[in-house]
Structures are given as structure tokens and as C-alpha cells.
């Protein structure tokens, strides 16, 4: 039985990544130890892990995570208020597959897509 999944995404600078997820997206750091080159953050029922990859070119990073939510408008407003970078096609919209979605980019160009079913 599978019970959870915790994606691991690349980061160039742990302090920058920590600041983005904690101060812009209201995540909290997870774990009791500050591991060199590794970061874990959580919000509600999800965790995202990051591994250090100092040489990654953000323009060539294709890290992606799909995050389901039950309050998409709240998350979208937070992203707008915090002036978080969104791809051109990343603004809130209803997709043909029955999801209301938007996407944003973290400092290393990891794509976070937030989605909520349209009822």
C-alpha cells in the first residue's frame, strides 16, 4: 500500500528556497535537523523536499509538482499579493479536464501547479 509522496526538487541556494517557501507561500520548515544541502518544508498535508544542485541552470530545470487544494482562489490571491512569478499560461483558469488551476515558479524555476476540481 502506498501512503504518501514527497517530491524532491532541485535548489541552488537553500536560504533563498527556504525564504521563498516560508515567507511567500507560508510553508513551515519540517524536520528537527538542518541537513547540509537538503531542505524539507510542509503546509497542511503536503511536504516538498529539496536537494542542493548549485550548478542547475533555472532555464533548463523542468522540476514540477501538482498540488491539489480545496481553496484555489485563496492560493491564487496569495500568489498575486506576493507578486510571485507565473508563467504566461499560468494564471487561474478552468482546464478541459475539469480542474481549476494556476501555476507559479519558485526561484529555481520549479513549476508548482495548484488545482481544484470543478464541480
Protein backbone atom coordinates (compact mmCIF):
# COMPACT_ATOMS: atom_id res chain seq x y z
CA UNK A 1 0.00 0.00 0.00
CA UNK A 2 1.29 3.46 -0.91
CA UNK A 3 0.51 6.13 1.67
CA UNK A 4 2.31 9.39 0.80
CA UNK A 5 4.54 11.02 -1.75
CA UNK A 6 7.05 13.77 -1.06
CA UNK A 7 8.55 15.22 -4.23
CA UNK A 8 12.21 16.20 -4.25
CA UNK A 9 13.10 19.27 -6.29
CA UNK A 10 16.47 20.88 -7.04
CA UNK A 11 17.57 24.11 -5.37
CA UNK A 12 20.64 26.26 -5.93
CA UNK A 13 20.60 28.16 -2.65
CA UNK A 14 18.98 26.74 0.48
CA UNK A 15 18.47 30.16 2.12
CA UNK A 16 16.71 31.54 -0.96
CA UNK A 17 14.50 28.46 -1.29
CA UNK A 18 13.67 28.49 2.41
CA UNK A 19 12.77 32.18 2.26
CA UNK A 20 10.50 31.71 -0.77
CA UNK A 21 8.51 28.79 0.62
CA UNK A 22 8.27 30.12 4.18
CA UNK A 23 7.80 33.84 3.59
CA UNK A 24 5.91 33.83 0.28
CA UNK A 25 3.89 30.60 0.41
CA UNK A 26 3.50 30.33 4.20
CA UNK A 27 5.07 26.86 4.46
CA UNK A 28 6.97 25.78 7.56
CA UNK A 29 10.29 24.05 7.75
CA UNK A 30 9.93 20.35 8.54
CA UNK A 31 12.35 18.18 10.47
CA UNK A 32 14.46 18.56 13.55
CA UNK A 33 17.85 18.82 11.92
CA UNK A 34 19.27 21.33 9.48
CA UNK A 35 20.88 18.99 6.96
CA UNK A 36 23.57 20.42 4.73
CA UNK A 37 22.28 20.70 1.16
CA UNK A 38 18.78 19.46 1.98
CA UNK A 39 15.54 21.22 2.92
CA UNK A 40 12.07 19.96 3.83
CA UNK A 41 9.01 22.21 4.01
CA UNK A 42 5.38 21.45 4.75
CA UNK A 43 1.97 23.07 4.62
CA UNK A 44 -1.22 21.36 5.73
CA UNK A 45 -0.99 17.77 4.44
CA UNK A 46 1.90 18.11 1.98
CA UNK A 47 5.68 18.16 2.14
CA UNK A 48 8.17 19.20 -0.51
CA UNK A 49 11.82 18.23 -0.20
CA UNK A 50 14.73 19.99 -1.90
CA UNK A 51 18.23 18.83 -2.68
CA UNK A 52 21.15 21.11 -3.40
CA UNK A 53 22.10 21.40 -7.06
CA UNK A 54 24.24 24.54 -7.20
CA UNK A 55 25.02 24.24 -10.90
CA UNK A 56 21.47 23.84 -12.19
CA UNK A 57 20.53 26.35 -14.85
CA UNK A 58 17.00 27.52 -13.95
CA UNK A 59 16.21 27.86 -17.67
CA UNK A 60 16.87 24.12 -18.03
CA UNK A 61 15.10 22.97 -14.85
CA UNK A 62 11.92 21.05 -15.51
CA UNK A 63 11.03 20.20 -11.90
CA UNK A 64 7.25 20.15 -11.48
CA UNK A 65 4.76 19.41 -8.72
CA UNK A 66 0.95 19.28 -8.92
CA UNK A 67 -0.69 20.35 -5.63
CA UNK A 68 -4.37 19.72 -5.02
CA UNK A 69 -6.25 22.24 -2.89
CA UNK A 70 -9.79 22.91 -1.73
CA UNK A 71 -9.36 26.69 -1.82
CA UNK A 72 -7.75 27.60 -5.13
CA UNK A 73 -8.88 31.24 -5.04
CA UNK A 74 -7.09 31.79 -1.71
CA UNK A 75 -3.84 30.40 -3.07
CA UNK A 76 -4.15 32.37 -6.29
CA UNK A 77 -4.74 35.62 -4.37
CA UNK A 78 -1.72 34.87 -2.16
CA UNK A 79 0.44 34.40 -5.25
CA UNK A 80 -0.80 37.69 -6.72
CA UNK A 81 -0.33 39.59 -3.46
CA UNK A 82 3.20 38.27 -3.02
CA UNK A 83 3.98 39.04 -6.70
CA UNK A 84 5.16 35.50 -7.36
CA UNK A 85 6.25 34.83 -10.94
CA UNK A 86 3.70 32.93 -13.02
CA UNK A 87 4.30 31.50 -16.47
CA UNK A 88 2.37 33.21 -19.28
CA UNK A 89 -0.26 30.46 -19.29
CA UNK A 90 -0.17 30.06 -15.51
CA UNK A 91 -2.98 32.34 -14.41
CA UNK A 92 -6.16 30.91 -12.89
CA UNK A 93 -8.34 29.15 -15.43
CA UNK A 94 -10.65 26.18 -15.84
CA UNK A 95 -8.98 23.40 -17.79
CA UNK A 96 -10.76 20.99 -20.18
CA UNK A 97 -10.03 18.11 -17.77
CA UNK A 98 -12.31 19.61 -15.11
CA UNK A 99 -9.74 21.32 -12.89
CA UNK A 100 -9.42 24.97 -11.95
CA UNK A 101 -5.67 25.60 -11.99
CA UNK A 102 -2.87 28.13 -11.83
CA UNK A 103 0.91 27.74 -11.81
CA UNK A 104 3.83 29.61 -10.34
CA UNK A 105 7.60 29.36 -10.43
CA UNK A 106 9.96 29.17 -7.48
CA UNK A 107 13.43 30.80 -7.53
CA UNK A 108 14.93 27.76 -9.32
CA UNK A 109 12.19 27.59 -11.94
CA UNK A 110 10.43 24.60 -10.35
CA UNK A 111 6.83 24.73 -11.57
CA UNK A 112 4.15 24.45 -8.87
CA UNK A 113 0.67 23.88 -10.28
CA UNK A 114 -2.26 24.24 -7.91
CA UNK A 115 -5.52 22.52 -8.85
CA UNK A 116 -9.05 22.09 -7.57
CA UNK A 117 -11.82 20.02 -9.14
CA UNK A 118 -14.64 21.95 -10.77
CA UNK A 119 -17.94 20.58 -9.52
